[in-house]
Amino acid sequence: VLRRGSVETDLARDYTVKIDVRGLEPATDYF
């Protein structure tokens, strides 16, 4: 595991979540 974190969402976002993960390596598969 390279990254782990917590995020909150609520009804104002229809309980959707988006995370912009930065600082990654190019041409790389992540799971």
PDB file of all heavy atoms in Angstrom:
ATOM      1  N   VAL A   1       0.846  -1.192   0.000  1.00  0.00           N
ATOM      2  CA  VAL A   1       0.000   0.000   0.000  1.00  0.00           C
ATOM      3  C   VAL A   1       0.885   1.247   0.000  1.00  0.00           C
ATOM      4  O   VAL A   1       1.774   1.392   0.846  1.00  0.00           O
ATOM      5  CB  VAL A   1      -0.945   0.009   1.223  1.00  0.00           C
ATOM      6  CG1 VAL A   1      -1.746   1.312   1.266  1.00  0.00           C
ATOM      7  CG2 VAL A   1      -1.883  -1.195   1.156  1.00  0.00           C
ATOM      8  N   LEU A   2       0.624   2.149  -0.950  1.00  0.00           N
ATOM      9  CA  LEU A   2       1.415   3.367  -1.092  1.00  0.00           C
ATOM     10  C   LEU A   2       0.757   4.575  -0.431  1.00  0.00           C
ATOM     11  O   LEU A   2       1.444   5.462   0.079  1.00  0.00           O
ATOM     12  CB  LEU A   2       1.623   3.678  -2.580  1.00  0.00           C
ATOM     13  CG  LEU A   2       2.291   2.594  -3.402  1.00  0.00           C
ATOM     14  CD1 LEU A   2       2.272   2.979  -4.874  1.00  0.00           C
ATOM     15  CD2 LEU A   2       3.723   2.379  -2.932  1.00  0.00           C
ATOM     16  N   ARG A   3      -0.563   4.631  -0.492  1.00  0.00           N
ATOM     17  CA  ARG A   3      -1.303   5.754   0.086  1.00  0.00           C
ATOM     18  C   ARG A   3      -2.512   5.218   0.838  1.00  0.00           C
ATOM     19  O   ARG A   3      -3.133   4.230   0.427  1.00  0.00           O
ATOM     20  CB  ARG A   3      -1.810   6.706  -0.998  1.00  0.00           C
ATOM     21  CG  ARG A   3      -0.752   7.298  -1.898  1.00  0.00           C
ATOM     22  CD  ARG A   3      -0.057   8.493  -1.280  1.00  0.00           C
ATOM     23  NE  ARG A   3       0.849   9.056  -2.253  1.00  0.00           N
ATOM     24  CZ  ARG A   3       0.529  10.037  -3.106  1.00  0.00           C
ATOM     25  NH1 ARG A   3      -0.677  10.558  -3.059  1.00  0.00           N
ATOM     26  NH2 ARG A   3       1.415  10.483  -3.974  1.00  0.00           N
ATOM     27  N   ARG A   4      -2.836   5.918   1.923  1.00  0.00           N
ATOM     28  CA  ARG A   4      -4.042   5.582   2.661  1.00  0.00           C
ATOM     29  C   ARG A   4      -4.530   6.858   3.328  1.00  0.00           C
ATOM     30  O   ARG A   4      -3.734   7.641   3.835  1.00  0.00           O
ATOM     31  CB  ARG A   4      -3.771   4.500   3.708  1.00  0.00           C
ATOM     32  CG  ARG A   4      -5.008   4.121   4.527  1.00  0.00           C
ATOM     33  CD  ARG A   4      -4.674   3.095   5.609  1.00  0.00           C
ATOM     34  NE  ARG A   4      -4.303   1.794   5.038  1.00  0.00           N
ATOM     35  CZ  ARG A   4      -3.142   1.206   5.207  1.00  0.00           C
ATOM     36  NH1 ARG A   4      -2.194   1.828   5.919  1.00  0.00           N
ATOM     37  NH2 ARG A   4      -2.889   0.024   4.695  1.00  0.00           N
ATOM     38  N   GLY A   5      -5.831   7.081   3.307  1.00  0.00           N
ATOM     39  CA  GLY A   5      -6.369   8.262   3.948  1.00  0.00           C
ATOM     40  C   GLY A   5      -7.858   8.135   4.190  1.00  0.00           C
ATOM     41  O   GLY A   5      -8.485   7.138   3.804  1.00  0.00           O
ATOM     42  N   SER A   6      -8.413   9.148   4.837  1.00  0.00           N
ATOM     43  CA  SER A   6      -9.850   9.200   5.099  1.00  0.00           C
ATOM     44  C   SER A   6     -10.446  10.400   4.374  1.00  0.00           C
ATOM     45  O   SER A   6      -9.782  11.414   4.177  1.00  0.00           O
ATOM     46  CB  SER A   6     -10.132   9.322   6.603  1.00  0.00           C
ATOM     47  OG  SER A   6      -9.719   8.174   7.296  1.00  0.00           O
ATOM     48  N   VAL A   7     -11.701  10.262   4.025  1.00  0.00           N
ATOM     49  CA  VAL A   7     -12.390  11.352   3.346  1.00  0.00           C
ATOM     50  C   VAL A   7     -13.838  11.361   3.793  1.00  0.00           C
ATOM     51  O   VAL A   7     -14.427  10.305   4.051  1.00  0.00           O
ATOM     52  CB  VAL A   7     -12.292  11.201   1.811  1.00  0.00           C
ATOM     53  CG1 VAL A   7     -12.938   9.914   1.339  1.00  0.00           C
ATOM     54  CG2 VAL A   7     -12.887  12.394   1.102  1.00  0.00           C
ATOM     55  N   GLU A   8     -14.402  12.545   3.915  1.00  0.00           N
ATOM     56  CA  GLU A   8     -15.805  12.694   4.284  1.00  0.00           C
ATOM     57  C   GLU A   8     -16.640  13.070   3.067  1.00  0.00           C
ATOM     58  O   GLU A   8     -16.161  13.748   2.159  1.00  0.00           O
ATOM     59  CB  GLU A   8     -15.976  13.770   5.361  1.00  0.00           C
ATOM     60  CG  GLU A   8     -15.679  13.299   6.759  1.00  0.00           C
ATOM     61  CD  GLU A   8     -16.181  14.281   7.813  1.00  0.00           C
ATOM     62  OE1 GLU A   8     -16.720  15.350   7.437  1.00  0.00           O
ATOM     63  OE2 GLU A   8     -16.038  13.981   9.005  1.00  0.00           O
ATOM     64  N   THR A   9     -17.887  12.638   3.077  1.00  0.00           N
ATOM     65  CA  THR A   9     -18.853  13.054   2.069  1.00  0.00           C
ATOM     66  C   THR A   9     -20.216  13.146   2.752  1.00  0.00           C
ATOM     67  O   THR A   9     -20.401  12.652   3.864  1.00  0.00           O
ATOM     68  CB  THR A   9     -18.888  12.086   0.877  1.00  0.00           C
ATOM     69  OG1 THR A   9     -19.747  12.619  -0.142  1.00  0.00           O
ATOM     70  CG2 THR A   9     -19.400  10.710   1.288  1.00  0.00           C
ATOM     71  N   ASP A  10     -21.152  13.795   2.064  1.00  0.00           N
ATOM     72  CA  ASP A  10     -22.474  13.965   2.658  1.00  0.00           C
ATOM     73  C   ASP A  10     -23.509  14.133   1.562  1.00  0.00           C
ATOM     74  O   ASP A  10     -23.211  14.036   0.358  1.00  0.00           O
ATOM     75  CB  ASP A  10     -22.494  15.152   3.627  1.00  0.00           C
ATOM     76  CG  ASP A  10     -22.026  16.459   2.992  1.00  0.00           C
ATOM     77  OD1 ASP A  10     -22.197  16.622   1.761  1.00  0.00           O
ATOM     78  OD2 ASP A  10     -21.488  17.319   3.712  1.00  0.00           O
ATOM     79  N   LEU A  11     -24.734  14.405   1.985  1.00  0.00           N
ATOM     80  CA  LEU A  11     -25.845  14.511   1.042  1.00  0.00           C
ATOM     81  C   LEU A  11     -25.646  15.639   0.045  1.00  0.00           C
ATOM     82  O   LEU A  11     -26.120  15.553  -1.096  1.00  0.00           O
ATOM     83  CB  LEU A  11     -27.145  14.713   1.816  1.00  0.00           C
ATOM     84  CG  LEU A  11     -28.453  14.707   1.012  1.00  0.00           C
ATOM     85  CD1 LEU A  11     -28.617  13.382   0.277  1.00  0.00           C
ATOM     86  CD2 LEU A  11     -29.639  14.964   1.931  1.00  0.00           C
ATOM     87  N   ALA A  12     -24.939  16.697   0.454  1.00  0.00           N
ATOM     88  CA  ALA A  12     -24.702  17.829  -0.447  1.00  0.00           C
ATOM     89  C   ALA A  12     -23.923  17.413  -1.681  1.00  0.00           C
ATOM     90  O   ALA A  12     -24.002  18.070  -2.721  1.00  0.00           O
ATOM     91  CB  ALA A  12     -23.968  18.950   0.292  1.00  0.00           C
ATOM     92  N   ARG A  13     -23.156  16.308  -1.583  1.00  0.00           N
ATOM     93  CA  ARG A  13     -22.409  15.759  -2.717  1.00  0.00           C
ATOM     94  C   ARG A  13     -23.027  14.457  -3.195  1.00  0.00           C
ATOM     95  O   ARG A  13     -22.393  13.722  -3.938  1.00  0.00           O
ATOM     96  CB  ARG A  13     -20.954  15.506  -2.296  1.00  0.00           C
ATOM     97  CG  ARG A  13     -20.123  16.736  -2.106  1.00  0.00           C
ATOM     98  CD  ARG A  13     -19.782  17.400  -3.391  1.00  0.00           C
ATOM     99  NE  ARG A  13     -19.071  16.521  -4.306  1.00  0.00           N
ATOM    100  CZ  ARG A  13     -18.699  16.865  -5.533  1.00  0.00           C
ATOM    101  NH1 ARG A  13     -19.005  18.058  -5.991  1.00  0.00           N
ATOM    102  NH2 ARG A  13     -18.063  16.027  -6.306  1.00  0.00           N
ATOM    103  N   ASP A  14     -24.245  14.174  -2.792  1.00  0.00           N
ATOM    104  CA  ASP A  14     -24.904  12.912  -3.117  1.00  0.00           C
ATOM    105  C   ASP A  14     -24.053  11.727  -2.685  1.00  0.00           C
ATOM    106  O   ASP A  14     -24.077  10.670  -3.305  1.00  0.00           O
ATOM    107  CB  ASP A  14     -25.207  12.838  -4.621  1.00  0.00           C
ATOM    108  CG  ASP A  14     -26.292  11.841  -4.948  1.00  0.00           C
ATOM    109  OD1 ASP A  14     -27.060  11.480  -4.032  1.00  0.00           O
ATOM    110  OD2 ASP A  14     -26.376  11.400  -6.114  1.00  0.00           O
ATOM    111  N   TYR A  15     -23.270  11.924  -1.620  1.00  0.00           N
ATOM    112  CA  TYR A  15     -22.402  10.896  -1.032  1.00  0.00           C
ATOM    113  C   TYR A  15     -21.332  10.395  -2.005  1.00  0.00           C
ATOM    114  O   TYR A  15     -20.781   9.301  -1.834  1.00  0.00           O
ATOM    115  CB  TYR A  15     -23.221   9.720  -0.495  1.00  0.00           C
ATOM    116  CG  TYR A  15     -24.202  10.125   0.580  1.00  0.00           C
ATOM    117  CD1 TYR A  15     -25.576  10.081   0.350  1.00  0.00           C
ATOM    118  CD2 TYR A  15     -23.759  10.565   1.824  1.00  0.00           C
ATOM    119  CE1 TYR A  15     -26.482  10.471   1.341  1.00  0.00           C
ATOM    120  CE2 TYR A  15     -24.651  10.957   2.811  1.00  0.00           C
ATOM    121  CZ  TYR A  15     -26.008  10.913   2.572  1.00  0.00           C
ATOM    122  OH  TYR A  15     -26.899  11.297   3.537  1.00  0.00           O
ATOM    123  N   THR A  16     -21.034  11.187  -3.038  1.00  0.00           N
ATOM    124  CA  THR A  16     -19.941  10.828  -3.942  1.00  0.00           C
ATOM    125  C   THR A  16     -18.624  11.318  -3.362  1.00  0.00           C
ATOM    126  O   THR A  16     -18.567  12.251  -2.564  1.00  0.00           O
ATOM    127  CB  THR A  16     -20.138  11.434  -5.338  1.00  0.00           C
ATOM    128  OG1 THR A  16     -20.204  12.864  -5.245  1.00  0.00           O
ATOM    129  CG2 THR A  16     -21.404  10.904  -5.978  1.00  0.00           C
ATOM    130  N   VAL A  17     -17.535  10.679  -3.793  1.00  0.00           N
ATOM    131  CA  VAL A  17     -16.187  11.011  -3.326  1.00  0.00           C
ATOM    132  C   VAL A  17     -15.264  11.077  -4.533  1.00  0.00           C
ATOM    133  O   VAL A  17     -15.304  10.202  -5.402  1.00  0.00           O
ATOM    134  CB  VAL A  17     -15.673   9.932  -2.338  1.00  0.00           C
ATOM    135  CG1 VAL A  17     -14.184  10.112  -2.066  1.00  0.00           C
ATOM    136  CG2 VAL A  17     -16.458   9.968  -1.044  1.00  0.00           C
ATOM    137  N   LYS A  18     -14.427  12.119  -4.579  1.00  0.00           N
ATOM    138  CA  LYS A  18     -13.374  12.194  -5.597  1.00  0.00           C
ATOM    139  C   LYS A  18     -12.069  12.599  -4.922  1.00  0.00           C
ATOM    140  O   LYS A  18     -12.022  13.571  -4.179  1.00  0.00           O
ATOM    141  CB  LYS A  18     -13.726  13.198  -6.694  1.00  0.00           C
ATOM    142  CG  LYS A  18     -14.789  12.701  -7.641  1.00  0.00           C
ATOM    143  CD  LYS A  18     -14.779  13.429  -8.986  1.00  0.00           C
ATOM    144  CE  LYS A  18     -15.298  14.837  -8.892  1.00  0.00           C
ATOM    145  NZ  LYS A  18     -15.455  15.419 -10.250  1.00  0.00           N
ATOM    146  N   ILE A  19     -11.030  11.848  -5.225  1.00  0.00           N
ATOM    147  CA  ILE A  19      -9.704  12.113  -4.666  1.00  0.00           C
ATOM    148  C   ILE A  19      -8.731  12.296  -5.821  1.00  0.00           C
ATOM    149  O   ILE A  19      -8.622  11.431  -6.703  1.00  0.00           O
ATOM    150  CB  ILE A  19      -9.239  10.949  -3.773  1.00  0.00           C
ATOM    151  CG1 ILE A  19     -10.242  10.735  -2.633  1.00  0.00           C
ATOM    152  CG2 ILE A  19      -7.845  11.210  -3.213  1.00  0.00           C
ATOM    153  CD1 ILE A  19     -10.221   9.343  -2.086  1.00  0.00           C
ATOM    154  N   ASP A  20      -8.034  13.408  -5.838  1.00  0.00           N
ATOM    155  CA  ASP A  20      -7.019  13.688  -6.851  1.00  0.00           C
ATOM    156  C   ASP A  20      -5.670  13.268  -6.274  1.00  0.00           C
ATOM    157  O   ASP A  20      -5.056  13.986  -5.484  1.00  0.00           O
ATOM    158  CB  ASP A  20      -7.026  15.177  -7.202  1.00  0.00           C
ATOM    159  CG  ASP A  20      -6.251  15.477  -8.471  1.00  0.00           C
ATOM    160  OD1 ASP A  20      -5.569  14.566  -8.978  1.00  0.00           O
ATOM    161  OD2 ASP A  20      -6.324  16.626  -8.954  1.00  0.00           O
ATOM    162  N   VAL A  21      -5.230  12.082  -6.644  1.00  0.00           N
ATOM    163  CA  VAL A  21      -3.994  11.524  -6.085  1.00  0.00           C
ATOM    164  C   VAL A  21      -2.816  12.044  -6.907  1.00  0.00           C
ATOM    165  O   VAL A  21      -2.708  11.757  -8.098  1.00  0.00           O
ATOM    166  CB  VAL A  21      -4.022   9.985  -6.094  1.00  0.00           C
ATOM    167  CG1 VAL A  21      -2.789   9.439  -5.373  1.00  0.00           C
ATOM    168  CG2 VAL A  21      -5.289   9.466  -5.423  1.00  0.00           C
ATOM    169  N   ARG A  22      -1.954  12.793  -6.261  1.00  0.00           N
ATOM    170  CA  ARG A  22      -0.820  13.435  -6.942  1.00  0.00           C
ATOM    171  C   ARG A  22       0.497  12.754  -6.582  1.00  0.00           C
ATOM    172  O   ARG A  22       0.583  11.947  -5.670  1.00  0.00           O
ATOM    173  CB  ARG A  22      -0.742  14.912  -6.533  1.00  0.00           C
ATOM    174  CG  ARG A  22      -2.029  15.709  -6.674  1.00  0.00           C
ATOM    175  CD  ARG A  22      -2.298  16.141  -8.088  1.00  0.00           C
ATOM    176  NE  ARG A  22      -3.504  16.960  -8.175  1.00  0.00           N
ATOM    177  CZ  ARG A  22      -3.527  18.294  -8.069  1.00  0.00           C
ATOM    178  NH1 ARG A  22      -2.419  18.959  -7.826  1.00  0.00           N
ATOM    179  NH2 ARG A  22      -4.665  18.956  -8.213  1.00  0.00           N
ATOM    180  N   GLY A  23       1.564  13.156  -7.300  1.00  0.00           N
ATOM    181  CA  GLY A  23       2.903  12.675  -7.003  1.00  0.00           C
ATOM    182  C   GLY A  23       3.146  11.231  -7.365  1.00  0.00           C
ATOM    183  O   GLY A  23       3.955  10.539  -6.732  1.00  0.00           O
ATOM    184  N   LEU A  24       2.455  10.738  -8.396  1.00  0.00           N
ATOM    185  CA  LEU A  24       2.599   9.347  -8.824  1.00  0.00           C
ATOM    186  C   LEU A  24       3.669   9.220  -9.907  1.00  0.00           C
ATOM    187  O   LEU A  24       4.145  10.212 -10.465  1.00  0.00           O
ATOM    188  CB  LEU A  24       1.252   8.827  -9.335  1.00  0.00           C
ATOM    189  CG  LEU A  24       0.089   8.886  -8.339  1.00  0.00           C
ATOM    190  CD1 LEU A  24      -1.200   8.424  -8.993  1.00  0.00           C
ATOM    191  CD2 LEU A  24       0.394   8.060  -7.086  1.00  0.00           C
ATOM    192  N   GLU A  25       4.007   7.979 -10.237  1.00  0.00           N
ATOM    193  CA  GLU A  25       4.986   7.697 -11.289  1.00  0.00           C
ATOM    194  C   GLU A  25       4.273   7.599 -12.637  1.00  0.00           C
ATOM    195  O   GLU A  25       3.137   7.118 -12.708  1.00  0.00           O
ATOM    196  CB  GLU A  25       5.718   6.392 -11.004  1.00  0.00           C
ATOM    197  CG  GLU A  25       6.550   6.406  -9.730  1.00  0.00           C
ATOM    198  CD  GLU A  25       7.697   7.394  -9.812  1.00  0.00           C
ATOM    199  OE1 GLU A  25       8.343   7.475 -10.869  1.00  0.00           O
ATOM    200  OE2 GLU A  25       7.932   8.107  -8.807  1.00  0.00           O
ATOM    201  N   PRO A  26       4.920   8.024 -13.723  1.00  0.00           N
ATOM    202  CA  PRO A  26       4.274   7.925 -15.039  1.00  0.00           C
ATOM    203  C   PRO A  26       4.200   6.486 -15.538  1.00  0.00           C
ATOM    204  O   PRO A  26       4.955   5.613 -15.107  1.00  0.00           O
ATOM    205  CB  PRO A  26       5.187   8.772 -15.941  1.00  0.00           C
ATOM    206  CG  PRO A  26       6.514   8.752 -15.267  1.00  0.00           C
ATOM    207  CD  PRO A  26       6.239   8.675 -13.791  1.00  0.00           C
ATOM    208  N   ALA A  27       3.241   6.248 -16.440  1.00  0.00           N
ATOM    209  CA  ALA A  27       3.093   4.948 -17.124  1.00  0.00           C
ATOM    210  C   ALA A  27       3.064   3.782 -16.138  1.00  0.00           C
ATOM    211  O   ALA A  27       3.690   2.742 -16.363  1.00  0.00           O
ATOM    212  CB  ALA A  27       4.215   4.759 -18.151  1.00  0.00           C
ATOM    213  N   THR A  28       2.306   3.958 -15.051  1.00  0.00           N
ATOM    214  CA  THR A  28       2.301   2.958 -13.979  1.00  0.00           C
ATOM    215  C   THR A  28       0.872   2.549 -13.639  1.00  0.00           C
ATOM    216  O   THR A  28      -0.014   3.395 -13.533  1.00  0.00           O
ATOM    217  CB  THR A  28       2.978   3.522 -12.714  1.00  0.00           C
ATOM    218  OG1 THR A  28       4.326   3.895 -13.032  1.00  0.00           O
ATOM    219  CG2 THR A  28       2.985   2.501 -11.593  1.00  0.00           C
ATOM    220  N   ASP A  29       0.664   1.243 -13.475  1.00  0.00           N
ATOM    221  CA  ASP A  29      -0.611   0.732 -12.992  1.00  0.00           C
ATOM    222  C   ASP A  29      -0.656   0.836 -11.471  1.00  0.00           C
ATOM    223  O   ASP A  29       0.313   0.460 -10.780  1.00  0.00           O
ATOM    224  CB  ASP A  29      -0.797  -0.737 -13.387  1.00  0.00           C
ATOM    225  CG  ASP A  29      -1.144  -0.909 -14.862  1.00  0.00           C
ATOM    226  OD1 ASP A  29      -1.409   0.098 -15.529  1.00  0.00           O
ATOM    227  OD2 ASP A  29      -1.142  -2.065 -15.327  1.00  0.00           O
ATOM    228  N   TYR A  30      -1.777   1.344 -10.971  1.00  0.00           N
ATOM    229  CA  TYR A  30      -2.031   1.377  -9.528  1.00  0.00           C
ATOM    230  C   TYR A  30      -3.386   0.717  -9.277  1.00  0.00           C
ATOM    231  O   TYR A  30      -4.264   0.719 -10.139  1.00  0.00           O
ATOM    232  CB  TYR A  30      -2.061   2.805  -8.997  1.00  0.00           C
ATOM    233  CG  TYR A  30      -0.737   3.529  -9.069  1.00  0.00           C
ATOM    234  CD1 TYR A  30      -0.420   4.351 -10.153  1.00  0.00           C
ATOM    235  CD2 TYR A  30       0.195   3.407  -8.043  1.00  0.00           C
ATOM    236  CE1 TYR A  30       0.784   5.021 -10.220  1.00  0.00           C
ATOM    237  CE2 TYR A  30       1.413   4.085  -8.093  1.00  0.00           C
ATOM    238  CZ  TYR A  30       1.701   4.887  -9.187  1.00  0.00           C
ATOM    239  OH  TYR A  30       2.901   5.551  -9.252  1.00  0.00           O
ATOM    240  N   PHE A  31      -3.549   0.190  -8.067  1.00  0.00           N
ATOM    241  CA  PHE A  31      -4.809  -0.432  -7.682  1.00  0.00           C
ATOM    242  C   PHE A  31      -5.359   0.314  -6.464  1.00  0.00           C
ATOM    243  O   PHE A  31      -4.601   0.760  -5.598  1.00  0.00           O
ATOM    244  CB  PHE A  31      -4.613  -1.917  -7.403  1.00  0.00           C
ATOM    245  CG  PHE A  31      -4.127  -2.666  -8.605  1.00  0.00           C
ATOM    246  CD1 PHE A  31      -2.763  -2.801  -8.853  1.00  0.00           C
ATOM    247  CD2 PHE A  31      -5.023  -3.199  -9.512  1.00  0.00           C
ATOM    248  CE1 PHE A  31      -2.313  -3.455  -9.991  1.00  0.00           C
ATOM    249  CE2 PHE A  31      -4.589  -3.859 -10.653  1.00  0.00           C
ATOM    250  CZ  PHE A  31      -3.235  -3.987 -10.890  1.00  0.00           C
TER     251      PHE A  31
END
